[in-house]
Amino acid sequence: MITAIREVRRAKGMTLEEVAGRCAPPTTAQTIGRLETGTRTVSVAWLNRIAAALGVAAADLVSLPERGDLAVAAVLDADGAIAPRRAARVTPPQPDAGAVAITVNSGVGDYRAGDEIWCDMLVPASFAGVLNRDVLAPVPAGRFVFGRLIAVDKGKTTILPPAPGAKPQTVAGAPWLAVATRLVRAL
């Protein structure tokens, strides 16, 4: 785990000895130094002790890995690519908690081999809100139906798979649907 113990301690103007003495129970400056450098594993209990000694929340001592962002070099519209009017950046997507993905092995409909389809899980009460969107629905025997949700009626969902000439499939009593929210495609 990457921690920001050293950065927070220095920002507070405290020495290793001061932090060690404020821990409950007190510890040694050497132990705090080892926890700062990662020589010793930082447990949740240690994070809580050190956070209390520094007068901060334990979450303030944890550094999450940086997610890089990208500078926007151009804006594309019907007239072609032009420079942006002001500096802008885009951040790579981060999946929501509970999200699932579908990987595409061979092209079908609008999807190409190598695509990833990111989906958010839905409970039955939310099914009607995603009509005309692509969804994944579980069916018995560990199988699934994927395609455009075209109807929701009395616990039954009707899905049109993306393959040309495919017939709509009705799924009764689906406990959940996963609605497609993002397409990740390498060019």
N, C-alpha and C. Protein backbone atom coordinates (compact mmCIF):
# COMPACT_ATOMS: atom_id res chain seq x y z
N MET A 1 0.84 -1.18 0.00
CA MET A 1 0.00 0.00 0.00
C MET A 1 0.89 1.24 0.00
N ILE A 2 0.55 2.19 -0.82
CA ILE A 2 1.29 3.45 -0.87
C ILE A 2 0.66 4.39 0.15
N THR A 3 1.49 4.94 1.03
CA THR A 3 0.95 5.85 2.03
C THR A 3 1.55 7.24 1.87
N ALA A 4 0.88 8.20 2.48
CA ALA A 4 1.34 9.59 2.47
C ALA A 4 1.70 10.01 3.89
N ILE A 5 2.10 9.05 4.71
CA ILE A 5 2.42 9.36 6.11
C ILE A 5 3.51 10.42 6.19
N ARG A 6 4.60 10.22 5.44
CA ARG A 6 5.72 11.16 5.48
C ARG A 6 5.27 12.56 5.05
N GLU A 7 4.52 12.64 3.94
CA GLU A 7 4.09 13.93 3.43
C GLU A 7 3.21 14.67 4.44
N VAL A 8 2.29 13.95 5.07
CA VAL A 8 1.39 14.57 6.05
C VAL A 8 2.18 14.98 7.29
N ARG A 9 3.09 14.11 7.74
CA ARG A 9 3.90 14.43 8.92
C ARG A 9 4.72 15.69 8.69
N ARG A 10 5.36 15.76 7.51
CA ARG A 10 6.18 16.94 7.20
C ARG A 10 5.32 18.19 7.07
N ALA A 11 4.14 18.05 6.45
CA ALA A 11 3.25 19.21 6.30
C ALA A 11 2.80 19.73 7.67
N LYS A 12 2.71 18.83 8.64
CA LYS A 12 2.32 19.23 10.00
C LYS A 12 3.52 19.75 10.80
N GLY A 13 4.73 19.63 10.22
CA GLY A 13 5.94 20.10 10.90
C GLY A 13 6.34 19.23 12.08
N MET A 14 6.01 17.94 12.00
CA MET A 14 6.30 17.03 13.12
C MET A 14 7.48 16.13 12.79
N THR A 15 8.22 15.74 13.83
CA THR A 15 9.33 14.80 13.68
C THR A 15 8.80 13.38 13.86
N LEU A 16 9.64 12.42 13.49
CA LEU A 16 9.28 11.02 13.71
C LEU A 16 9.04 10.77 15.20
N GLU A 17 9.88 11.35 16.04
CA GLU A 17 9.76 11.16 17.49
C GLU A 17 8.44 11.71 18.01
N GLU A 18 8.02 12.87 17.50
CA GLU A 18 6.77 13.47 17.96
C GLU A 18 5.57 12.60 17.59
N VAL A 19 5.56 12.09 16.38
CA VAL A 19 4.46 11.23 15.96
C VAL A 19 4.45 9.95 16.79
N ALA A 20 5.64 9.36 16.97
CA ALA A 20 5.74 8.13 17.76
C ALA A 20 5.23 8.34 19.18
N GLY A 21 5.56 9.47 19.78
CA GLY A 21 5.13 9.76 21.15
C GLY A 21 3.64 10.02 21.26
N ARG A 22 3.02 10.52 20.20
CA ARG A 22 1.57 10.81 20.23
C ARG A 22 0.72 9.59 19.90
N CYS A 23 1.35 8.52 19.41
CA CYS A 23 0.59 7.31 19.12
C CYS A 23 0.08 6.72 20.44
N ALA A 24 -1.07 6.07 20.39
CA ALA A 24 -1.63 5.43 21.58
C ALA A 24 -1.75 3.94 21.30
N PRO A 25 -0.96 3.10 21.95
CA PRO A 25 0.14 3.44 22.85
C PRO A 25 1.34 3.96 22.07
N PRO A 26 2.23 4.68 22.76
CA PRO A 26 3.42 5.23 22.10
C PRO A 26 4.27 4.14 21.45
N THR A 27 4.97 4.51 20.40
CA THR A 27 5.86 3.58 19.71
C THR A 27 7.20 4.28 19.52
N THR A 28 8.05 3.74 18.65
CA THR A 28 9.36 4.33 18.43
C THR A 28 9.40 5.10 17.13
N ALA A 29 10.32 6.06 17.04
CA ALA A 29 10.52 6.82 15.81
C ALA A 29 10.94 5.89 14.68
N GLN A 30 11.73 4.86 15.02
CA GLN A 30 12.19 3.89 14.02
C GLN A 30 10.99 3.17 13.38
N THR A 31 10.00 2.79 14.19
CA THR A 31 8.82 2.11 13.66
C THR A 31 8.05 3.02 12.72
N ILE A 32 7.87 4.29 13.12
CA ILE A 32 7.16 5.23 12.26
C ILE A 32 7.93 5.40 10.94
N GLY A 33 9.25 5.50 11.02
CA GLY A 33 10.08 5.62 9.82
C GLY A 33 9.92 4.42 8.90
N ARG A 34 9.87 3.22 9.46
CA ARG A 34 9.69 2.01 8.65
C ARG A 34 8.31 1.99 7.99
N LEU A 35 7.31 2.45 8.71
CA LEU A 35 5.96 2.50 8.14
C LEU A 35 5.88 3.53 7.02
N GLU A 36 6.57 4.66 7.19
CA GLU A 36 6.60 5.70 6.16
C GLU A 36 7.24 5.21 4.87
N THR A 37 8.34 4.47 4.99
CA THR A 37 9.11 4.06 3.81
C THR A 37 8.61 2.76 3.20
N GLY A 38 7.68 2.08 3.88
CA GLY A 38 7.17 0.81 3.37
C GLY A 38 8.03 -0.36 3.73
N THR A 39 9.06 -0.15 4.56
CA THR A 39 9.89 -1.25 5.03
C THR A 39 9.08 -2.19 5.90
N ARG A 40 8.10 -1.62 6.58
CA ARG A 40 7.18 -2.41 7.41
C ARG A 40 5.78 -2.22 6.84
N THR A 41 5.01 -3.30 6.80
CA THR A 41 3.66 -3.25 6.26
C THR A 41 2.75 -2.42 7.14
N VAL A 42 1.98 -1.55 6.50
CA VAL A 42 1.06 -0.68 7.22
C VAL A 42 -0.31 -1.36 7.28
N SER A 43 -0.74 -1.68 8.49
CA SER A 43 -2.07 -2.27 8.67
C SER A 43 -3.08 -1.15 8.89
N VAL A 44 -4.35 -1.50 8.87
CA VAL A 44 -5.40 -0.52 9.14
C VAL A 44 -5.25 0.02 10.57
N ALA A 45 -4.89 -0.86 11.49
CA ALA A 45 -4.71 -0.43 12.89
C ALA A 45 -3.60 0.62 12.97
N TRP A 46 -2.48 0.39 12.25
CA TRP A 46 -1.40 1.36 12.27
C TRP A 46 -1.84 2.67 11.61
N LEU A 47 -2.56 2.58 10.51
CA LEU A 47 -3.04 3.81 9.87
C LEU A 47 -3.90 4.62 10.83
N ASN A 48 -4.78 3.94 11.55
CA ASN A 48 -5.64 4.64 12.51
C ASN A 48 -4.83 5.27 13.63
N ARG A 49 -3.83 4.55 14.16
CA ARG A 49 -2.99 5.09 15.23
C ARG A 49 -2.22 6.32 14.78
N ILE A 50 -1.62 6.22 13.60
CA ILE A 50 -0.80 7.34 13.09
C ILE A 50 -1.69 8.52 12.73
N ALA A 51 -2.86 8.24 12.14
CA ALA A 51 -3.79 9.32 11.79
C ALA A 51 -4.20 10.08 13.04
N ALA A 52 -4.51 9.37 14.12
CA ALA A 52 -4.88 10.02 15.37
C ALA A 52 -3.73 10.87 15.90
N ALA A 53 -2.51 10.35 15.80
CA ALA A 53 -1.34 11.09 16.28
C ALA A 53 -1.11 12.35 15.45
N LEU A 54 -1.42 12.30 14.17
CA LEU A 54 -1.24 13.46 13.29
C LEU A 54 -2.45 14.39 13.27
N GLY A 55 -3.56 13.92 13.84
CA GLY A 55 -4.77 14.74 13.85
C GLY A 55 -5.45 14.82 12.49
N VAL A 56 -5.40 13.72 11.72
CA VAL A 56 -6.04 13.67 10.40
C VAL A 56 -6.87 12.39 10.31
N ALA A 57 -7.66 12.27 9.25
CA ALA A 57 -8.41 11.05 9.00
C ALA A 57 -7.47 10.01 8.39
N ALA A 58 -7.71 8.74 8.69
CA ALA A 58 -6.86 7.67 8.15
C ALA A 58 -6.82 7.72 6.62
N ALA A 59 -7.93 8.09 5.99
CA ALA A 59 -7.97 8.16 4.52
C ALA A 59 -6.98 9.18 3.98
N ASP A 60 -6.63 10.19 4.78
CA ASP A 60 -5.66 11.20 4.34
C ASP A 60 -4.26 10.64 4.23
N LEU A 61 -4.03 9.46 4.80
CA LEU A 61 -2.69 8.86 4.79
C LEU A 61 -2.50 7.85 3.67
N VAL A 62 -3.54 7.60 2.90
CA VAL A 62 -3.46 6.62 1.83
C VAL A 62 -3.40 7.34 0.50
N SER A 63 -2.39 7.03 -0.29
CA SER A 63 -2.25 7.62 -1.62
C SER A 63 -2.74 6.61 -2.64
N LEU A 64 -3.71 7.00 -3.43
CA LEU A 64 -4.16 6.14 -4.51
C LEU A 64 -3.27 6.37 -5.72
N PRO A 65 -3.06 5.33 -6.54
CA PRO A 65 -2.24 5.53 -7.72
C PRO A 65 -2.84 6.61 -8.61
N GLU A 66 -1.98 7.40 -9.18
CA GLU A 66 -2.43 8.47 -10.07
C GLU A 66 -3.07 7.87 -11.31
N ARG A 67 -4.19 8.43 -11.71
CA ARG A 67 -4.79 8.08 -12.99
C ARG A 67 -4.43 9.18 -13.94
N GLY A 68 -3.68 8.84 -14.95
CA GLY A 68 -3.27 9.86 -15.90
C GLY A 68 -4.44 10.41 -16.67
N ASP A 69 -4.29 11.63 -17.11
CA ASP A 69 -5.29 12.20 -18.00
C ASP A 69 -4.58 12.64 -19.27
N LEU A 70 -5.35 13.00 -20.25
CA LEU A 70 -4.80 13.34 -21.56
C LEU A 70 -5.17 14.77 -21.93
N ALA A 71 -4.23 15.47 -22.53
CA ALA A 71 -4.52 16.81 -23.03
C ALA A 71 -5.35 16.68 -24.30
N VAL A 72 -6.36 17.53 -24.45
CA VAL A 72 -7.16 17.55 -25.67
C VAL A 72 -6.40 18.37 -26.70
N ALA A 73 -5.99 17.72 -27.79
CA ALA A 73 -5.21 18.39 -28.82
C ALA A 73 -6.09 19.02 -29.89
N ALA A 74 -7.27 18.42 -30.12
CA ALA A 74 -8.15 18.92 -31.16
C ALA A 74 -9.59 18.56 -30.85
N VAL A 75 -10.50 19.30 -31.45
CA VAL A 75 -11.93 19.04 -31.36
C VAL A 75 -12.40 18.71 -32.77
N LEU A 76 -13.10 17.60 -32.91
CA LEU A 76 -13.53 17.15 -34.24
C LEU A 76 -15.02 17.43 -34.40
N ASP A 77 -15.38 18.08 -35.51
CA ASP A 77 -16.79 18.27 -35.84
C ASP A 77 -16.95 18.14 -37.35
N ALA A 78 -18.09 18.50 -37.88
CA ALA A 78 -18.37 18.32 -39.30
C ALA A 78 -17.40 19.08 -40.19
N ASP A 79 -16.80 20.15 -39.69
CA ASP A 79 -15.85 20.94 -40.48
C ASP A 79 -14.42 20.43 -40.37
N GLY A 80 -14.19 19.37 -39.61
CA GLY A 80 -12.86 18.81 -39.45
C GLY A 80 -12.33 19.02 -38.04
N ALA A 81 -11.04 18.80 -37.87
CA ALA A 81 -10.40 18.93 -36.57
C ALA A 81 -9.86 20.35 -36.40
N ILE A 82 -10.18 20.95 -35.26
CA ILE A 82 -9.68 22.30 -34.96
C ILE A 82 -9.11 22.31 -33.55
N ALA A 83 -8.26 23.28 -33.28
CA ALA A 83 -7.68 23.42 -31.94
C ALA A 83 -8.77 23.83 -30.95
N PRO A 84 -8.71 23.33 -29.72
CA PRO A 84 -9.71 23.75 -28.73
C PRO A 84 -9.54 25.22 -28.39
N ARG A 85 -10.63 25.88 -28.03
CA ARG A 85 -10.58 27.31 -27.69
C ARG A 85 -9.85 27.55 -26.38
N ARG A 86 -9.91 26.59 -25.47
CA ARG A 86 -9.17 26.71 -24.21
C ARG A 86 -8.63 25.33 -23.84
N ALA A 87 -7.61 25.31 -23.04
CA ALA A 87 -6.98 24.05 -22.65
C ALA A 87 -8.01 23.14 -21.99
N ALA A 88 -7.96 21.87 -22.35
CA ALA A 88 -8.88 20.88 -21.78
C ALA A 88 -8.14 19.57 -21.61
N ARG A 89 -8.64 18.77 -20.70
CA ARG A 89 -8.07 17.45 -20.46
C ARG A 89 -9.21 16.45 -20.33
N VAL A 90 -8.96 15.20 -20.68
CA VAL A 90 -9.93 14.13 -20.48
C VAL A 90 -9.32 13.09 -19.55
N THR A 91 -10.17 12.49 -18.73
CA THR A 91 -9.72 11.49 -17.77
C THR A 91 -10.20 10.12 -18.23
N PRO A 92 -9.33 9.12 -18.23
CA PRO A 92 -9.76 7.78 -18.61
C PRO A 92 -10.88 7.30 -17.71
N PRO A 93 -11.76 6.45 -18.23
CA PRO A 93 -12.91 6.00 -17.44
C PRO A 93 -12.50 5.10 -16.28
N GLN A 94 -13.30 5.15 -15.24
CA GLN A 94 -13.15 4.29 -14.07
C GLN A 94 -14.49 3.58 -13.89
N PRO A 95 -14.50 2.26 -13.83
CA PRO A 95 -15.79 1.57 -13.70
C PRO A 95 -16.46 1.87 -12.36
N ASP A 96 -17.80 1.89 -12.38
CA ASP A 96 -18.57 2.07 -11.16
C ASP A 96 -18.52 0.79 -10.35
N ALA A 97 -18.76 0.89 -9.06
CA ALA A 97 -18.80 -0.29 -8.19
C ALA A 97 -19.88 -1.22 -8.70
N GLY A 98 -19.57 -2.50 -8.77
CA GLY A 98 -20.55 -3.49 -9.22
C GLY A 98 -20.69 -3.62 -10.72
N ALA A 99 -19.94 -2.85 -11.49
CA ALA A 99 -20.03 -2.93 -12.94
C ALA A 99 -19.46 -4.26 -13.43
N VAL A 100 -19.92 -4.69 -14.59
CA VAL A 100 -19.41 -5.90 -15.22
C VAL A 100 -19.04 -5.58 -16.66
N ALA A 101 -18.31 -6.47 -17.30
CA ALA A 101 -17.89 -6.23 -18.68
C ALA A 101 -18.22 -7.44 -19.55
N ILE A 102 -18.35 -7.16 -20.82
CA ILE A 102 -18.53 -8.20 -21.84
C ILE A 102 -17.39 -8.01 -22.82
N THR A 103 -16.69 -9.08 -23.16
CA THR A 103 -15.66 -8.98 -24.19
C THR A 103 -16.22 -9.59 -25.48
N VAL A 104 -15.87 -8.98 -26.59
CA VAL A 104 -16.39 -9.42 -27.89
C VAL A 104 -15.29 -10.21 -28.60
N ASN A 105 -15.58 -11.49 -28.89
CA ASN A 105 -14.60 -12.35 -29.56
C ASN A 105 -14.69 -12.27 -31.08
N SER A 106 -15.90 -12.07 -31.60
CA SER A 106 -16.05 -11.92 -33.05
C SER A 106 -17.13 -10.87 -33.31
N GLY A 107 -16.95 -10.12 -34.37
CA GLY A 107 -17.85 -9.01 -34.67
C GLY A 107 -19.29 -9.46 -34.82
N VAL A 108 -20.19 -8.66 -34.23
CA VAL A 108 -21.63 -8.90 -34.35
C VAL A 108 -22.34 -7.56 -34.19
N GLY A 109 -23.22 -7.25 -35.15
CA GLY A 109 -23.91 -5.96 -35.08
C GLY A 109 -22.91 -4.81 -35.12
N ASP A 110 -23.06 -3.87 -34.16
CA ASP A 110 -22.17 -2.71 -34.09
C ASP A 110 -20.85 -3.01 -33.39
N TYR A 111 -20.70 -4.21 -32.87
CA TYR A 111 -19.52 -4.55 -32.06
C TYR A 111 -18.49 -5.31 -32.88
N ARG A 112 -17.21 -5.02 -32.60
CA ARG A 112 -16.10 -5.64 -33.31
C ARG A 112 -15.31 -6.54 -32.36
N ALA A 113 -14.59 -7.49 -32.94
CA ALA A 113 -13.72 -8.35 -32.14
C ALA A 113 -12.73 -7.47 -31.38
N GLY A 114 -12.55 -7.75 -30.11
CA GLY A 114 -11.64 -6.99 -29.27
C GLY A 114 -12.33 -5.90 -28.46
N ASP A 115 -13.58 -5.58 -28.79
CA ASP A 115 -14.32 -4.57 -28.01
C ASP A 115 -14.57 -5.05 -26.59
N GLU A 116 -14.67 -4.10 -25.70
CA GLU A 116 -15.12 -4.35 -24.33
C GLU A 116 -16.37 -3.51 -24.13
N ILE A 117 -17.41 -4.14 -23.62
CA ILE A 117 -18.66 -3.43 -23.34
C ILE A 117 -18.80 -3.39 -21.83
N TRP A 118 -18.74 -2.18 -21.27
CA TRP A 118 -18.89 -2.02 -19.82
C TRP A 118 -20.35 -1.82 -19.50
N CYS A 119 -20.82 -2.50 -18.47
CA CYS A 119 -22.24 -2.48 -18.12
C CYS A 119 -22.45 -2.18 -16.64
N ASP A 120 -23.54 -1.48 -16.34
CA ASP A 120 -23.95 -1.23 -14.97
C ASP A 120 -25.13 -2.14 -14.64
N MET A 121 -25.11 -2.71 -13.45
CA MET A 121 -26.14 -3.64 -13.01
C MET A 121 -27.42 -2.89 -12.64
N LEU A 122 -28.57 -3.50 -12.97
CA LEU A 122 -29.87 -2.92 -12.65
C LEU A 122 -30.75 -3.95 -11.96
N VAL A 123 -31.61 -3.48 -11.09
CA VAL A 123 -32.62 -4.33 -10.45
C VAL A 123 -33.89 -4.26 -11.29
N PRO A 124 -34.80 -5.24 -11.14
CA PRO A 124 -36.01 -5.28 -11.99
C PRO A 124 -36.81 -3.98 -12.03
N ALA A 125 -36.90 -3.25 -10.95
CA ALA A 125 -37.68 -2.01 -10.93
C ALA A 125 -37.12 -0.97 -11.90
N SER A 126 -35.87 -1.11 -12.32
CA SER A 126 -35.23 -0.14 -13.21
C SER A 126 -35.22 -0.56 -14.68
N PHE A 127 -35.72 -1.75 -14.99
CA PHE A 127 -35.62 -2.27 -16.36
C PHE A 127 -36.26 -1.34 -17.39
N ALA A 128 -37.46 -0.83 -17.11
CA ALA A 128 -38.18 -0.02 -18.10
C ALA A 128 -37.42 1.26 -18.45
N GLY A 129 -36.55 1.71 -17.57
CA GLY A 129 -35.79 2.94 -17.81
C GLY A 129 -34.68 2.79 -18.83
N VAL A 130 -34.41 1.57 -19.28
CA VAL A 130 -33.35 1.36 -20.27
C VAL A 130 -33.86 0.74 -21.57
N LEU A 131 -35.15 0.97 -21.85
CA LEU A 131 -35.68 0.50 -23.14
C LEU A 131 -34.86 1.09 -24.28
N ASN A 132 -34.66 0.29 -25.31
CA ASN A 132 -33.89 0.67 -26.51
C ASN A 132 -32.39 0.85 -26.22
N ARG A 133 -31.92 0.26 -25.14
CA ARG A 133 -30.48 0.23 -24.85
C ARG A 133 -30.04 -1.23 -24.90
N ASP A 134 -28.75 -1.46 -25.12
CA ASP A 134 -28.22 -2.82 -25.11
C ASP A 134 -28.06 -3.28 -23.68
N VAL A 135 -28.50 -4.53 -23.42
CA VAL A 135 -28.45 -5.10 -22.08
C VAL A 135 -27.97 -6.54 -22.14
N LEU A 136 -27.51 -7.00 -20.99
CA LEU A 136 -27.14 -8.41 -20.79
C LEU A 136 -28.12 -8.95 -19.76
N ALA A 137 -28.75 -10.09 -20.06
CA ALA A 137 -29.70 -10.71 -19.14
C ALA A 137 -29.30 -12.16 -18.88
N PRO A 138 -29.35 -12.60 -17.62
CA PRO A 138 -29.05 -14.00 -17.33
C PRO A 138 -30.25 -14.89 -17.67
N VAL A 139 -29.95 -16.08 -18.16
CA VAL A 139 -30.98 -17.10 -18.40
C VAL A 139 -30.49 -18.38 -17.76
N PRO A 140 -31.34 -19.39 -17.58
CA PRO A 140 -30.91 -20.63 -16.91
C PRO A 140 -29.68 -21.28 -17.55
N ALA A 141 -29.07 -22.14 -16.78
CA ALA A 141 -27.91 -22.94 -17.20
C ALA A 141 -26.66 -22.09 -17.43
N GLY A 142 -26.53 -20.96 -16.72
CA GLY A 142 -25.33 -20.16 -16.81
C GLY A 142 -25.12 -19.46 -18.14
N ARG A 143 -26.21 -19.24 -18.85
CA ARG A 143 -26.12 -18.57 -20.15
C ARG A 143 -26.67 -17.16 -20.04
N PHE A 144 -26.54 -16.38 -21.11
CA PHE A 144 -26.98 -14.99 -21.13
C PHE A 144 -27.61 -14.67 -22.47
N VAL A 145 -28.41 -13.62 -22.47
CA VAL A 145 -28.93 -13.03 -23.71
C VAL A 145 -28.42 -11.60 -23.73
N PHE A 146 -27.86 -11.19 -24.87
CA PHE A 146 -27.37 -9.82 -25.02
C PHE A 146 -28.03 -9.22 -26.24
N GLY A 147 -28.45 -7.96 -26.11
CA GLY A 147 -29.01 -7.25 -27.24
C GLY A 147 -29.81 -6.05 -26.79
N ARG A 148 -30.60 -5.50 -27.73
CA ARG A 148 -31.40 -4.31 -27.48
C ARG A 148 -32.65 -4.69 -26.70
N LEU A 149 -32.89 -4.02 -25.58
CA LEU A 149 -34.09 -4.26 -24.77
C LEU A 149 -35.25 -3.57 -25.49
N ILE A 150 -36.21 -4.37 -25.98
CA ILE A 150 -37.30 -3.79 -26.77
C ILE A 150 -38.64 -3.81 -26.04
N ALA A 151 -38.75 -4.57 -24.94
CA ALA A 151 -40.01 -4.59 -24.20
C ALA A 151 -39.78 -5.08 -22.78
N VAL A 152 -40.57 -4.49 -21.86
CA VAL A 152 -40.60 -4.93 -20.46
C VAL A 152 -42.07 -4.99 -20.09
N ASP A 153 -42.55 -6.20 -19.72
CA ASP A 153 -43.97 -6.35 -19.42
C ASP A 153 -44.19 -7.48 -18.43
N LYS A 154 -44.74 -7.15 -17.27
CA LYS A 154 -45.13 -8.13 -16.25
C LYS A 154 -44.02 -9.13 -15.95
N GLY A 155 -42.84 -8.64 -15.65
CA GLY A 155 -41.73 -9.52 -15.28
C GLY A 155 -41.03 -10.19 -16.45
N LYS A 156 -41.41 -9.86 -17.65
CA LYS A 156 -40.77 -10.43 -18.84
C LYS A 156 -40.05 -9.31 -19.59
N THR A 157 -38.83 -9.61 -20.03
CA THR A 157 -38.08 -8.66 -20.85
C THR A 157 -37.86 -9.29 -22.21
N THR A 158 -37.99 -8.49 -23.24
CA THR A 158 -37.77 -8.98 -24.60
C THR A 158 -36.55 -8.26 -25.16
N ILE A 159 -35.61 -9.06 -25.64
CA ILE A 159 -34.32 -8.56 -26.10
C ILE A 159 -34.08 -9.00 -27.54
N LEU A 160 -33.65 -8.06 -28.37
CA LEU A 160 -33.33 -8.34 -29.77
C LEU A 160 -31.81 -8.44 -29.90
N PRO A 161 -31.28 -9.67 -30.10
CA PRO A 161 -29.83 -9.82 -30.25
C PRO A 161 -29.31 -9.05 -31.47
N PRO A 162 -28.01 -8.65 -31.45
CA PRO A 162 -27.48 -7.80 -32.52
C PRO A 162 -27.18 -8.50 -33.84
N ALA A 163 -27.21 -9.81 -33.88
CA ALA A 163 -26.90 -10.53 -35.12
C ALA A 163 -27.96 -10.26 -36.17
N PRO A 164 -27.56 -10.09 -37.44
CA PRO A 164 -28.53 -9.85 -38.51
C PRO A 164 -29.55 -10.99 -38.58
N GLY A 165 -30.84 -10.63 -38.66
CA GLY A 165 -31.90 -11.62 -38.78
C GLY A 165 -32.24 -12.34 -37.48
N ALA A 166 -31.64 -11.93 -36.37
CA ALA A 166 -31.92 -12.59 -35.09
C ALA A 166 -33.35 -12.33 -34.66
N LYS A 167 -33.95 -13.30 -33.99
CA LYS A 167 -35.30 -13.16 -33.50
C LYS A 167 -35.27 -12.68 -32.05
N PRO A 168 -36.25 -11.87 -31.65
CA PRO A 168 -36.31 -11.41 -30.26
C PRO A 168 -36.42 -12.60 -29.30
N GLN A 169 -35.80 -12.45 -28.14
CA GLN A 169 -35.85 -13.48 -27.11
C GLN A 169 -36.48 -12.89 -25.86
N THR A 170 -37.40 -13.64 -25.26
CA THR A 170 -38.07 -13.18 -24.05
C THR A 170 -37.48 -13.91 -22.86
N VAL A 171 -37.13 -13.12 -21.83
CA VAL A 171 -36.57 -13.66 -20.60
C VAL A 171 -37.58 -13.38 -19.49
N ALA A 172 -38.05 -14.43 -18.83
CA ALA A 172 -39.02 -14.27 -17.75
C ALA A 172 -38.31 -14.24 -16.40
N GLY A 173 -38.68 -13.25 -15.59
CA GLY A 173 -38.18 -13.18 -14.21
C GLY A 173 -36.69 -12.96 -14.07
N ALA A 174 -36.10 -12.20 -14.94
CA ALA A 174 -34.65 -11.92 -14.81
C ALA A 174 -34.40 -11.20 -13.49
N PRO A 175 -33.47 -11.70 -12.66
CA PRO A 175 -33.20 -11.05 -11.37
C PRO A 175 -32.44 -9.74 -11.52
N TRP A 176 -31.79 -9.55 -12.68
CA TRP A 176 -31.03 -8.33 -12.96
C TRP A 176 -30.81 -8.20 -14.46
N LEU A 177 -30.50 -7.01 -14.86
CA LEU A 177 -30.01 -6.73 -16.21
C LEU A 177 -28.74 -5.91 -16.03
N ALA A 178 -27.85 -6.00 -16.99
CA ALA A 178 -26.67 -5.13 -17.00
C ALA A 178 -26.76 -4.29 -18.27
N VAL A 179 -26.90 -2.97 -18.10
CA VAL A 179 -27.07 -2.09 -19.26
C VAL A 179 -25.72 -1.60 -19.74
N ALA A 180 -25.50 -1.66 -21.05
CA ALA A 180 -24.25 -1.19 -21.64
C ALA A 180 -24.14 0.31 -21.45
N THR A 181 -23.02 0.74 -20.87
CA THR A 181 -22.80 2.17 -20.62
C THR A 181 -21.57 2.73 -21.29
N ARG A 182 -20.64 1.85 -21.69
CA ARG A 182 -19.41 2.35 -22.30
C ARG A 182 -18.84 1.28 -23.22
N LEU A 183 -18.39 1.73 -24.38
CA LEU A 183 -17.72 0.85 -25.32
C LEU A 183 -16.25 1.21 -25.34
N VAL A 184 -15.40 0.23 -25.07
CA VAL A 184 -13.96 0.45 -25.09
C VAL A 184 -13.43 -0.31 -26.31
N ARG A 185 -12.84 0.46 -27.23
CA ARG A 185 -12.39 -0.12 -28.50
C ARG A 185 -11.00 0.39 -28.84
N ALA A 186 -10.10 -0.54 -29.07
CA ALA A 186 -8.76 -0.15 -29.54
C ALA A 186 -8.85 0.05 -31.06
N LEU A 187 -8.17 1.06 -31.55
CA LEU A 187 -8.19 1.31 -33.00
C LEU A 187 -6.96 0.74 -33.66
